[in-house]
């Protein structure tokens, strides 16, 4: 049991850490781009002539839902694997 539990924790960490850092990178790109390239971020975009900063900010909303949905899906898989490991231990 202990080896399969270690593998589960390792695979969870292997997936969670890169996902976490990608999310942080995407969310911090908006304020950093406003600091370092304000001219580009204030130019009108193809989307209703909104500035690129607004387009980027609006894209973060569905991206957050997508990240939460993927996390929920993966967490359910890890919970199922954990229950299988517990079931193996009880038998």
PDB file of N, CA and C in Angstrom:
ATOM      1  N   UNK A   1       0.825  -1.199   0.000  1.00  0.00           N
ATOM      2  CA  UNK A   1       0.000   0.000   0.000  1.00  0.00           C
ATOM      3  C   UNK A   1       0.867   1.259   0.000  1.00  0.00           C
ATOM      4  N   UNK A   2       1.904   1.208   0.775  1.00  0.00           N
ATOM      5  CA  UNK A   2       2.712   2.409   0.941  1.00  0.00           C
ATOM      6  C   UNK A   2       3.358   2.849  -0.379  1.00  0.00           C
ATOM      7  N   UNK A   3       3.806   1.898  -1.183  1.00  0.00           N
ATOM      8  CA  UNK A   3       4.426   2.243  -2.463  1.00  0.00           C
ATOM      9  C   UNK A   3       3.403   2.839  -3.429  1.00  0.00           C
ATOM     10  N   UNK A   4       2.205   2.272  -3.482  1.00  0.00           N
ATOM     11  CA  UNK A   4       1.179   2.808  -4.381  1.00  0.00           C
ATOM     12  C   UNK A   4       0.710   4.188  -3.913  1.00  0.00           C
ATOM     13  N   UNK A   5       0.684   4.392  -2.597  1.00  0.00           N
ATOM     14  CA  UNK A   5       0.317   5.708  -2.073  1.00  0.00           C
ATOM     15  C   UNK A   5       1.393   6.741  -2.408  1.00  0.00           C
ATOM     16  N   UNK A   6       2.642   6.347  -2.319  1.00  0.00           N
ATOM     17  CA  UNK A   6       3.739   7.252  -2.702  1.00  0.00           C
ATOM     18  C   UNK A   6       3.667   7.607  -4.176  1.00  0.00           C
ATOM     19  N   UNK A   7       3.363   6.630  -5.005  1.00  0.00           N
ATOM     20  CA  UNK A   7       3.240   6.899  -6.430  1.00  0.00           C
ATOM     21  C   UNK A   7       2.091   7.868  -6.705  1.00  0.00           C
ATOM     22  N   UNK A   8       0.996   7.707  -5.984  1.00  0.00           N
ATOM     23  CA  UNK A   8      -0.143   8.602  -6.148  1.00  0.00           C
ATOM     24  C   UNK A   8       0.219  10.029  -5.748  1.00  0.00           C
ATOM     25  N   UNK A   9       0.878  10.176  -4.609  1.00  0.00           N
ATOM     26  CA  UNK A   9       1.283  11.506  -4.146  1.00  0.00           C
ATOM     27  C   UNK A   9       2.299  12.112  -5.115  1.00  0.00           C
ATOM     28  N   UNK A  10       3.223  11.304  -5.615  1.00  0.00           N
ATOM     29  CA  UNK A  10       4.212  11.803  -6.564  1.00  0.00           C
ATOM     30  C   UNK A  10       3.550  12.259  -7.862  1.00  0.00           C
ATOM     31  N   UNK A  11       2.621  11.472  -8.379  1.00  0.00           N
ATOM     32  CA  UNK A  11       1.961  11.860  -9.632  1.00  0.00           C
ATOM     33  C   UNK A  11       1.097  13.107  -9.429  1.00  0.00           C
ATOM     34  N   UNK A  12       0.500  13.238  -8.259  1.00  0.00           N
ATOM     35  CA  UNK A  12      -0.293  14.433  -7.964  1.00  0.00           C
ATOM     36  C   UNK A  12       0.596  15.669  -7.912  1.00  0.00           C
ATOM     37  N   UNK A  13       1.733  15.572  -7.234  1.00  0.00           N
ATOM     38  CA  UNK A  13       2.668  16.698  -7.161  1.00  0.00           C
ATOM     39  C   UNK A  13       3.249  17.010  -8.533  1.00  0.00           C
ATOM     40  N   UNK A  14       3.527  15.973  -9.294  1.00  0.00           N
ATOM     41  CA  UNK A  14       4.097  16.149 -10.627  1.00  0.00           C
ATOM     42  C   UNK A  14       3.146  16.929 -11.524  1.00  0.00           C
ATOM     43  N   UNK A  15       1.853  16.757 -11.326  1.00  0.00           N
ATOM     44  CA  UNK A  15       0.864  17.487 -12.118  1.00  0.00           C
ATOM     45  C   UNK A  15       0.533  18.848 -11.514  1.00  0.00           C
ATOM     46  N   UNK A  16       0.449  18.922 -10.189  1.00  0.00           N
ATOM     47  CA  UNK A  16      -0.036  20.121  -9.525  1.00  0.00           C
ATOM     48  C   UNK A  16       0.948  21.290  -9.579  1.00  0.00           C
ATOM     49  N   UNK A  17       2.223  21.046  -9.361  1.00  0.00           N
ATOM     50  CA  UNK A  17       3.188  22.141  -9.311  1.00  0.00           C
ATOM     51  C   UNK A  17       3.324  22.876 -10.644  1.00  0.00           C
ATOM     52  N   UNK A  18       3.494  22.188 -11.775  1.00  0.00           N
ATOM     53  CA  UNK A  18       3.566  22.942 -13.037  1.00  0.00           C
ATOM     54  C   UNK A  18       2.276  23.693 -13.341  1.00  0.00           C
ATOM     55  N   UNK A  19       1.147  23.088 -13.040  1.00  0.00           N
ATOM     56  CA  UNK A  19      -0.137  23.747 -13.277  1.00  0.00           C
ATOM     57  C   UNK A  19      -0.258  25.012 -12.433  1.00  0.00           C
ATOM     58  N   UNK A  20       0.163  24.937 -11.194  1.00  0.00           N
ATOM     59  CA  UNK A  20       0.130  26.083 -10.291  1.00  0.00           C
ATOM     60  C   UNK A  20       1.004  27.223 -10.817  1.00  0.00           C
ATOM     61  N   UNK A  21       2.209  26.894 -11.258  1.00  0.00           N
ATOM     62  CA  UNK A  21       3.111  27.923 -11.738  1.00  0.00           C
ATOM     63  C   UNK A  21       2.656  28.512 -13.064  1.00  0.00           C
ATOM     64  N   UNK A  22       2.057  27.708 -13.923  1.00  0.00           N
ATOM     65  CA  UNK A  22       1.508  28.235 -15.176  1.00  0.00           C
ATOM     66  C   UNK A  22       0.375  29.212 -14.873  1.00  0.00           C
ATOM     67  N   UNK A  23      -0.491  28.857 -13.929  1.00  0.00           N
ATOM     68  CA  UNK A  23      -1.575  29.756 -13.531  1.00  0.00           C
ATOM     69  C   UNK A  23      -1.054  31.069 -12.974  1.00  0.00           C
ATOM     70  N   UNK A  24      -0.060  30.986 -12.112  1.00  0.00           N
ATOM     71  CA  UNK A  24       0.536  32.216 -11.565  1.00  0.00           C
ATOM     72  C   UNK A  24       1.157  33.071 -12.659  1.00  0.00           C
ATOM     73  N   UNK A  25       1.841  32.431 -13.576  1.00  0.00           N
ATOM     74  CA  UNK A  25       2.471  33.166 -14.669  1.00  0.00           C
ATOM     75  C   UNK A  25       1.425  33.900 -15.504  1.00  0.00           C
ATOM     76  N   UNK A  26       0.353  33.219 -15.831  1.00  0.00           N
ATOM     77  CA  UNK A  26      -0.691  33.841 -16.648  1.00  0.00           C
ATOM     78  C   UNK A  26      -1.340  35.010 -15.906  1.00  0.00           C
ATOM     79  N   UNK A  27      -1.614  34.823 -14.620  1.00  0.00           N
ATOM     80  CA  UNK A  27      -2.277  35.895 -13.873  1.00  0.00           C
ATOM     81  C   UNK A  27      -1.367  37.090 -13.639  1.00  0.00           C
ATOM     82  N   UNK A  28      -0.070  36.865 -13.474  1.00  0.00           N
ATOM     83  CA  UNK A  28       0.841  37.985 -13.259  1.00  0.00           C
ATOM     84  C   UNK A  28       1.279  38.642 -14.558  1.00  0.00           C
ATOM     85  N   UNK A  29       0.971  38.019 -15.693  1.00  0.00           N
ATOM     86  CA  UNK A  29       1.313  38.642 -16.979  1.00  0.00           C
ATOM     87  C   UNK A  29       0.539  39.945 -17.197  1.00  0.00           C
ATOM     88  N   UNK A  30      -0.683  40.028 -16.733  1.00  0.00           N
ATOM     89  CA  UNK A  30      -1.466  41.251 -16.938  1.00  0.00           C
ATOM     90  C   UNK A  30      -0.843  42.450 -16.234  1.00  0.00           C
ATOM     91  N   UNK A  31      -0.615  42.403 -14.919  1.00  0.00           N
ATOM     92  CA  UNK A  31      -0.017  43.588 -14.297  1.00  0.00           C
ATOM     93  C   UNK A  31       1.400  43.871 -14.799  1.00  0.00           C
ATOM     94  N   UNK A  32       2.168  42.818 -15.074  1.00  0.00           N
ATOM     95  CA  UNK A  32       3.522  43.050 -15.579  1.00  0.00           C
ATOM     96  C   UNK A  32       3.511  43.666 -16.973  1.00  0.00           C
ATOM     97  N   UNK A  33       2.583  43.221 -17.812  1.00  0.00           N
ATOM     98  CA  UNK A  33       2.514  43.801 -19.153  1.00  0.00           C
ATOM     99  C   UNK A  33       2.032  45.253 -19.088  1.00  0.00           C
ATOM    100  N   UNK A  34       1.183  45.561 -18.128  1.00  0.00           N
ATOM    101  CA  UNK A  34       0.758  46.956 -17.966  1.00  0.00           C
ATOM    102  C   UNK A  34       1.906  47.840 -17.486  1.00  0.00           C
ATOM    103  N   UNK A  35       2.834  47.262 -16.754  1.00  0.00           N
ATOM    104  CA  UNK A  35       3.989  48.024 -16.283  1.00  0.00           C
ATOM    105  C   UNK A  35       5.019  48.201 -17.388  1.00  0.00           C
ATOM    106  N   UNK A  36       5.326  47.089 -18.096  1.00  0.00           N
ATOM    107  CA  UNK A  36       6.457  47.116 -19.020  1.00  0.00           C
ATOM    108  C   UNK A  36       6.087  47.475 -20.466  1.00  0.00           C
ATOM    109  N   UNK A  37       4.880  47.187 -20.898  1.00  0.00           N
ATOM    110  CA  UNK A  37       4.485  47.537 -22.274  1.00  0.00           C
ATOM    111  C   UNK A  37       3.106  48.205 -22.280  1.00  0.00           C
ATOM    112  N   UNK A  38       2.969  49.325 -21.606  1.00  0.00           N
ATOM    113  CA  UNK A  38       1.651  49.963 -21.531  1.00  0.00           C
ATOM    114  C   UNK A  38       1.141  50.459 -22.885  1.00  0.00           C
ATOM    115  N   UNK A  39       2.059  50.821 -23.791  1.00  0.00           N
ATOM    116  CA  UNK A  39       1.621  51.298 -25.109  1.00  0.00           C
ATOM    117  C   UNK A  39       0.892  50.205 -25.884  1.00  0.00           C
ATOM    118  N   UNK A  40       1.421  49.010 -25.838  1.00  0.00           N
ATOM    119  CA  UNK A  40       0.787  47.886 -26.543  1.00  0.00           C
ATOM    120  C   UNK A  40      -0.537  47.515 -25.879  1.00  0.00           C
ATOM    121  N   UNK A  41      -0.559  47.500 -24.563  1.00  0.00           N
ATOM    122  CA  UNK A  41      -1.766  47.082 -23.851  1.00  0.00           C
ATOM    123  C   UNK A  41      -2.899  48.103 -23.975  1.00  0.00           C
ATOM    124  N   UNK A  42      -2.585  49.342 -24.295  1.00  0.00           N
ATOM    125  CA  UNK A  42      -3.623  50.366 -24.447  1.00  0.00           C
ATOM    126  C   UNK A  42      -4.109  50.526 -25.881  1.00  0.00           C
ATOM    127  N   UNK A  43      -3.493  49.828 -26.824  1.00  0.00           N
ATOM    128  CA  UNK A  43      -3.942  49.907 -28.216  1.00  0.00           C
ATOM    129  C   UNK A  43      -5.255  49.147 -28.388  1.00  0.00           C
ATOM    130  N   UNK A  44      -6.117  49.613 -29.272  1.00  0.00           N
ATOM    131  CA  UNK A  44      -7.381  48.907 -29.506  1.00  0.00           C
ATOM    132  C   UNK A  44      -7.143  47.545 -30.159  1.00  0.00           C
ATOM    133  N   UNK A  45      -7.948  46.598 -29.766  1.00  0.00           N
ATOM    134  CA  UNK A  45      -7.840  45.250 -30.319  1.00  0.00           C
ATOM    135  C   UNK A  45      -8.922  45.034 -31.373  1.00  0.00           C
ATOM    136  N   UNK A  46      -8.971  43.828 -31.920  1.00  0.00           N
ATOM    137  CA  UNK A  46      -9.996  43.475 -32.909  1.00  0.00           C
ATOM    138  C   UNK A  46     -11.338  43.184 -32.252  1.00  0.00           C
ATOM    139  N   UNK A  47     -11.363  43.024 -30.938  1.00  0.00           N
ATOM    140  CA  UNK A  47     -12.559  42.637 -30.198  1.00  0.00           C
ATOM    141  C   UNK A  47     -13.281  43.886 -29.703  1.00  0.00           C
ATOM    142  N   UNK A  48     -14.192  44.402 -30.484  1.00  0.00           N
ATOM    143  CA  UNK A  48     -14.989  45.597 -30.160  1.00  0.00           C
ATOM    144  C   UNK A  48     -14.132  46.817 -29.835  1.00  0.00           C
ATOM    145  N   UNK A  49     -12.935  46.873 -30.369  1.00  0.00           N
ATOM    146  CA  UNK A  49     -11.988  47.961 -30.134  1.00  0.00           C
ATOM    147  C   UNK A  49     -11.656  48.168 -28.659  1.00  0.00           C
ATOM    148  N   UNK A  50     -11.795  47.126 -27.872  1.00  0.00           N
ATOM    149  CA  UNK A  50     -11.366  47.201 -26.476  1.00  0.00           C
ATOM    150  C   UNK A  50      -9.844  47.200 -26.424  1.00  0.00           C
ATOM    151  N   UNK A  51      -9.265  47.872 -25.458  1.00  0.00           N
ATOM    152  CA  UNK A  51      -7.806  47.803 -25.314  1.00  0.00           C
ATOM    153  C   UNK A  51      -7.370  46.370 -24.993  1.00  0.00           C
ATOM    154  N   UNK A  52      -6.151  46.027 -25.384  1.00  0.00           N
ATOM    155  CA  UNK A  52      -5.644  44.679 -25.173  1.00  0.00           C
ATOM    156  C   UNK A  52      -5.637  44.303 -23.685  1.00  0.00           C
ATOM    157  N   UNK A  53      -5.456  45.257 -22.811  1.00  0.00           N
ATOM    158  CA  UNK A  53      -5.476  44.956 -21.379  1.00  0.00           C
ATOM    159  C   UNK A  53      -6.848  44.424 -20.958  1.00  0.00           C
ATOM    160  N   UNK A  54      -7.914  45.013 -21.480  1.00  0.00           N
ATOM    161  CA  UNK A  54      -9.259  44.537 -21.159  1.00  0.00           C
ATOM    162  C   UNK A  54      -9.524  43.161 -21.749  1.00  0.00           C
ATOM    163  N   UNK A  55      -9.047  42.940 -22.962  1.00  0.00           N
ATOM    164  CA  UNK A  55      -9.219  41.621 -23.585  1.00  0.00           C
ATOM    165  C   UNK A  55      -8.507  40.562 -22.758  1.00  0.00           C
ATOM    166  N   UNK A  56      -7.281  40.851 -22.349  1.00  0.00           N
ATOM    167  CA  UNK A  56      -6.527  39.905 -21.530  1.00  0.00           C
ATOM    168  C   UNK A  56      -7.229  39.655 -20.199  1.00  0.00           C
ATOM    169  N   UNK A  57      -7.747  40.709 -19.595  1.00  0.00           N
ATOM    170  CA  UNK A  57      -8.449  40.563 -18.318  1.00  0.00           C
ATOM    171  C   UNK A  57      -9.729  39.740 -18.482  1.00  0.00           C
ATOM    172  N   UNK A  58     -10.451  39.959 -19.563  1.00  0.00           N
ATOM    173  CA  UNK A  58     -11.687  39.205 -19.791  1.00  0.00           C
ATOM    174  C   UNK A  58     -11.418  37.742 -20.123  1.00  0.00           C
ATOM    175  N   UNK A  59     -10.297  37.469 -20.736  1.00  0.00           N
ATOM    176  CA  UNK A  59      -9.930  36.077 -21.039  1.00  0.00           C
ATOM    177  C   UNK A  59      -9.600  35.312 -19.759  1.00  0.00           C
ATOM    178  N   UNK A  60      -9.162  36.022 -18.728  1.00  0.00           N
ATOM    179  CA  UNK A  60      -8.810  35.342 -17.485  1.00  0.00           C
ATOM    180  C   UNK A  60     -10.033  34.730 -16.786  1.00  0.00           C
ATOM    181  N   UNK A  61     -11.220  35.247 -17.046  1.00  0.00           N
ATOM    182  CA  UNK A  61     -12.419  34.701 -16.406  1.00  0.00           C
ATOM    183  C   UNK A  61     -12.705  33.277 -16.889  1.00  0.00           C
ATOM    184  N   UNK A  62     -12.841  33.041 -18.210  1.00  0.00           N
ATOM    185  CA  UNK A  62     -13.061  31.650 -18.624  1.00  0.00           C
ATOM    186  C   UNK A  62     -11.857  30.746 -18.340  1.00  0.00           C
ATOM    187  N   UNK A  63     -10.660  31.336 -18.342  1.00  0.00           N
ATOM    188  CA  UNK A  63      -9.485  30.539 -18.028  1.00  0.00           C
ATOM    189  C   UNK A  63      -9.544  30.034 -16.588  1.00  0.00           C
ATOM    190  N   UNK A  64     -10.032  30.862 -15.684  1.00  0.00           N
ATOM    191  CA  UNK A  64     -10.177  30.448 -14.297  1.00  0.00           C
ATOM    192  C   UNK A  64     -11.171  29.298 -14.187  1.00  0.00           C
ATOM    193  N   UNK A  65     -12.294  29.398 -14.882  1.00  0.00           N
ATOM    194  CA  UNK A  65     -13.278  28.321 -14.869  1.00  0.00           C
ATOM    195  C   UNK A  65     -12.690  27.042 -15.461  1.00  0.00           C
ATOM    196  N   UNK A  66     -11.911  27.190 -16.515  1.00  0.00           N
ATOM    197  CA  UNK A  66     -11.278  26.031 -17.137  1.00  0.00           C
ATOM    198  C   UNK A  66     -10.294  25.376 -16.174  1.00  0.00           C
ATOM    199  N   UNK A  67      -9.455  26.165 -15.526  1.00  0.00           N
ATOM    200  CA  UNK A  67      -8.502  25.615 -14.553  1.00  0.00           C
ATOM    201  C   UNK A  67      -9.234  24.915 -13.413  1.00  0.00           C
ATOM    202  N   UNK A  68     -10.305  25.525 -12.916  1.00  0.00           N
ATOM    203  CA  UNK A  68     -11.067  24.905 -11.825  1.00  0.00           C
ATOM    204  C   UNK A  68     -11.719  23.604 -12.277  1.00  0.00           C
ATOM    205  N   UNK A  69     -12.229  23.583 -13.495  1.00  0.00           N
ATOM    206  CA  UNK A  69     -12.839  22.361 -14.018  1.00  0.00           C
ATOM    207  C   UNK A  69     -11.828  21.244 -14.193  1.00  0.00           C
ATOM    208  N   UNK A  70     -10.658  21.581 -14.717  1.00  0.00           N
ATOM    209  CA  UNK A  70      -9.612  20.571 -14.882  1.00  0.00           C
ATOM    210  C   UNK A  70      -9.142  20.063 -13.525  1.00  0.00           C
ATOM    211  N   UNK A  71      -8.988  20.976 -12.572  1.00  0.00           N
ATOM    212  CA  UNK A  71      -8.569  20.555 -11.232  1.00  0.00           C
ATOM    213  C   UNK A  71      -9.606  19.639 -10.606  1.00  0.00           C
ATOM    214  N   UNK A  72     -10.877  19.973 -10.742  1.00  0.00           N
ATOM    215  CA  UNK A  72     -11.941  19.146 -10.190  1.00  0.00           C
ATOM    216  C   UNK A  72     -11.928  17.753 -10.821  1.00  0.00           C
ATOM    217  N   UNK A  73     -11.757  17.701 -12.132  1.00  0.00           N
ATOM    218  CA  UNK A  73     -11.727  16.425 -12.847  1.00  0.00           C
ATOM    219  C   UNK A  73     -10.545  15.572 -12.371  1.00  0.00           C
ATOM    220  N   UNK A  74      -9.356  16.205 -12.279  1.00  0.00           N
ATOM    221  CA  UNK A  74      -8.175  15.464 -11.839  1.00  0.00           C
ATOM    222  C   UNK A  74      -8.284  15.046 -10.368  1.00  0.00           C
ATOM    223  N   UNK A  75      -8.857  15.904  -9.526  1.00  0.00           N
ATOM    224  CA  UNK A  75      -8.997  15.581  -8.107  1.00  0.00           C
ATOM    225  C   UNK A  75      -9.926  14.379  -7.917  1.00  0.00           C
ATOM    226  N   UNK A  76     -10.978  14.297  -8.716  1.00  0.00           N
ATOM    227  CA  UNK A  76     -11.866  13.135  -8.638  1.00  0.00           C
ATOM    228  C   UNK A  76     -11.133  11.858  -9.021  1.00  0.00           C
ATOM    229  N   UNK A  77     -10.276  11.936 -10.022  1.00  0.00           N
ATOM    230  CA  UNK A  77      -9.490  10.754 -10.417  1.00  0.00           C
ATOM    231  C   UNK A  77      -8.544  10.335  -9.296  1.00  0.00           C
ATOM    232  N   UNK A  78      -7.890  11.315  -8.676  1.00  0.00           N
ATOM    233  CA  UNK A  78      -6.983  10.990  -7.571  1.00  0.00           C
ATOM    234  C   UNK A  78      -7.755  10.430  -6.374  1.00  0.00           C
ATOM    235  N   UNK A  79      -8.945  10.946  -6.115  1.00  0.00           N
ATOM    236  CA  UNK A  79      -9.770  10.405  -5.035  1.00  0.00           C
ATOM    237  C   UNK A  79     -10.180   8.959  -5.315  1.00  0.00           C
ATOM    238  N   UNK A  80     -10.513   8.664  -6.568  1.00  0.00           N
ATOM    239  CA  UNK A  80     -10.857   7.289  -6.928  1.00  0.00           C
ATOM    240  C   UNK A  80      -9.668   6.357  -6.740  1.00  0.00           C
ATOM    241  N   UNK A  81      -8.492   6.805  -7.149  1.00  0.00           N
ATOM    242  CA  UNK A  81      -7.289   5.990  -6.965  1.00  0.00           C
ATOM    243  C   UNK A  81      -7.002   5.773  -5.486  1.00  0.00           C
ATOM    244  N   UNK A  82      -7.217   6.808  -4.686  1.00  0.00           N
ATOM    245  CA  UNK A  82      -7.000   6.679  -3.243  1.00  0.00           C
ATOM    246  C   UNK A  82      -7.975   5.680  -2.634  1.00  0.00           C
ATOM    247  N   UNK A  83      -9.232   5.720  -3.055  1.00  0.00           N
ATOM    248  CA  UNK A  83     -10.202   4.751  -2.558  1.00  0.00           C
ATOM    249  C   UNK A  83      -9.833   3.332  -2.963  1.00  0.00           C
ATOM    250  N   UNK A  84      -9.290   3.159  -4.178  1.00  0.00           N
ATOM    251  CA  UNK A  84      -8.825   1.833  -4.604  1.00  0.00           C
ATOM    252  C   UNK A  84      -7.681   1.357  -3.720  1.00  0.00           C
ATOM    253  N   UNK A  85      -6.773   2.254  -3.386  1.00  0.00           N
ATOM    254  CA  UNK A  85      -5.653   1.897  -2.527  1.00  0.00           C
ATOM    255  C   UNK A  85      -6.153   1.521  -1.141  1.00  0.00           C
ATOM    256  N   UNK A  86      -7.125   2.278  -0.618  1.00  0.00           N
ATOM    257  CA  UNK A  86      -7.694   1.943   0.694  1.00  0.00           C
ATOM    258  C   UNK A  86      -8.392   0.595   0.638  1.00  0.00           C
ATOM    259  N   UNK A  87      -9.120   0.325  -0.467  1.00  0.00           N
ATOM    260  CA  UNK A  87      -9.811  -0.952  -0.615  1.00  0.00           C
ATOM    261  C   UNK A  87      -8.845  -2.126  -0.669  1.00  0.00           C
ATOM    262  N   UNK A  88      -7.708  -1.936  -1.330  1.00  0.00           N
ATOM    263  CA  UNK A  88      -6.696  -2.979  -1.381  1.00  0.00           C
ATOM    264  C   UNK A  88      -6.125  -3.246  -0.005  1.00  0.00           C
ATOM    265  N   UNK A  89      -5.982  -2.218   0.794  1.00  0.00           N
ATOM    266  CA  UNK A  89      -5.421  -2.354   2.126  1.00  0.00           C
ATOM    267  C   UNK A  89      -6.374  -3.103   3.061  1.00  0.00           C
ATOM    268  N   UNK A  90      -7.665  -2.899   2.893  1.00  0.00           N
ATOM    269  CA  UNK A  90      -8.643  -3.537   3.767  1.00  0.00           C
ATOM    270  C   UNK A  90      -8.812  -5.018   3.463  1.00  0.00           C
ATOM    271  N   UNK A  91      -8.520  -5.432   2.250  1.00  0.00           N
ATOM    272  CA  UNK A  91      -8.723  -6.842   1.861  1.00  0.00           C
ATOM    273  C   UNK A  91      -7.645  -7.736   2.363  1.00  0.00           C
TER     274      UNK A  91
END
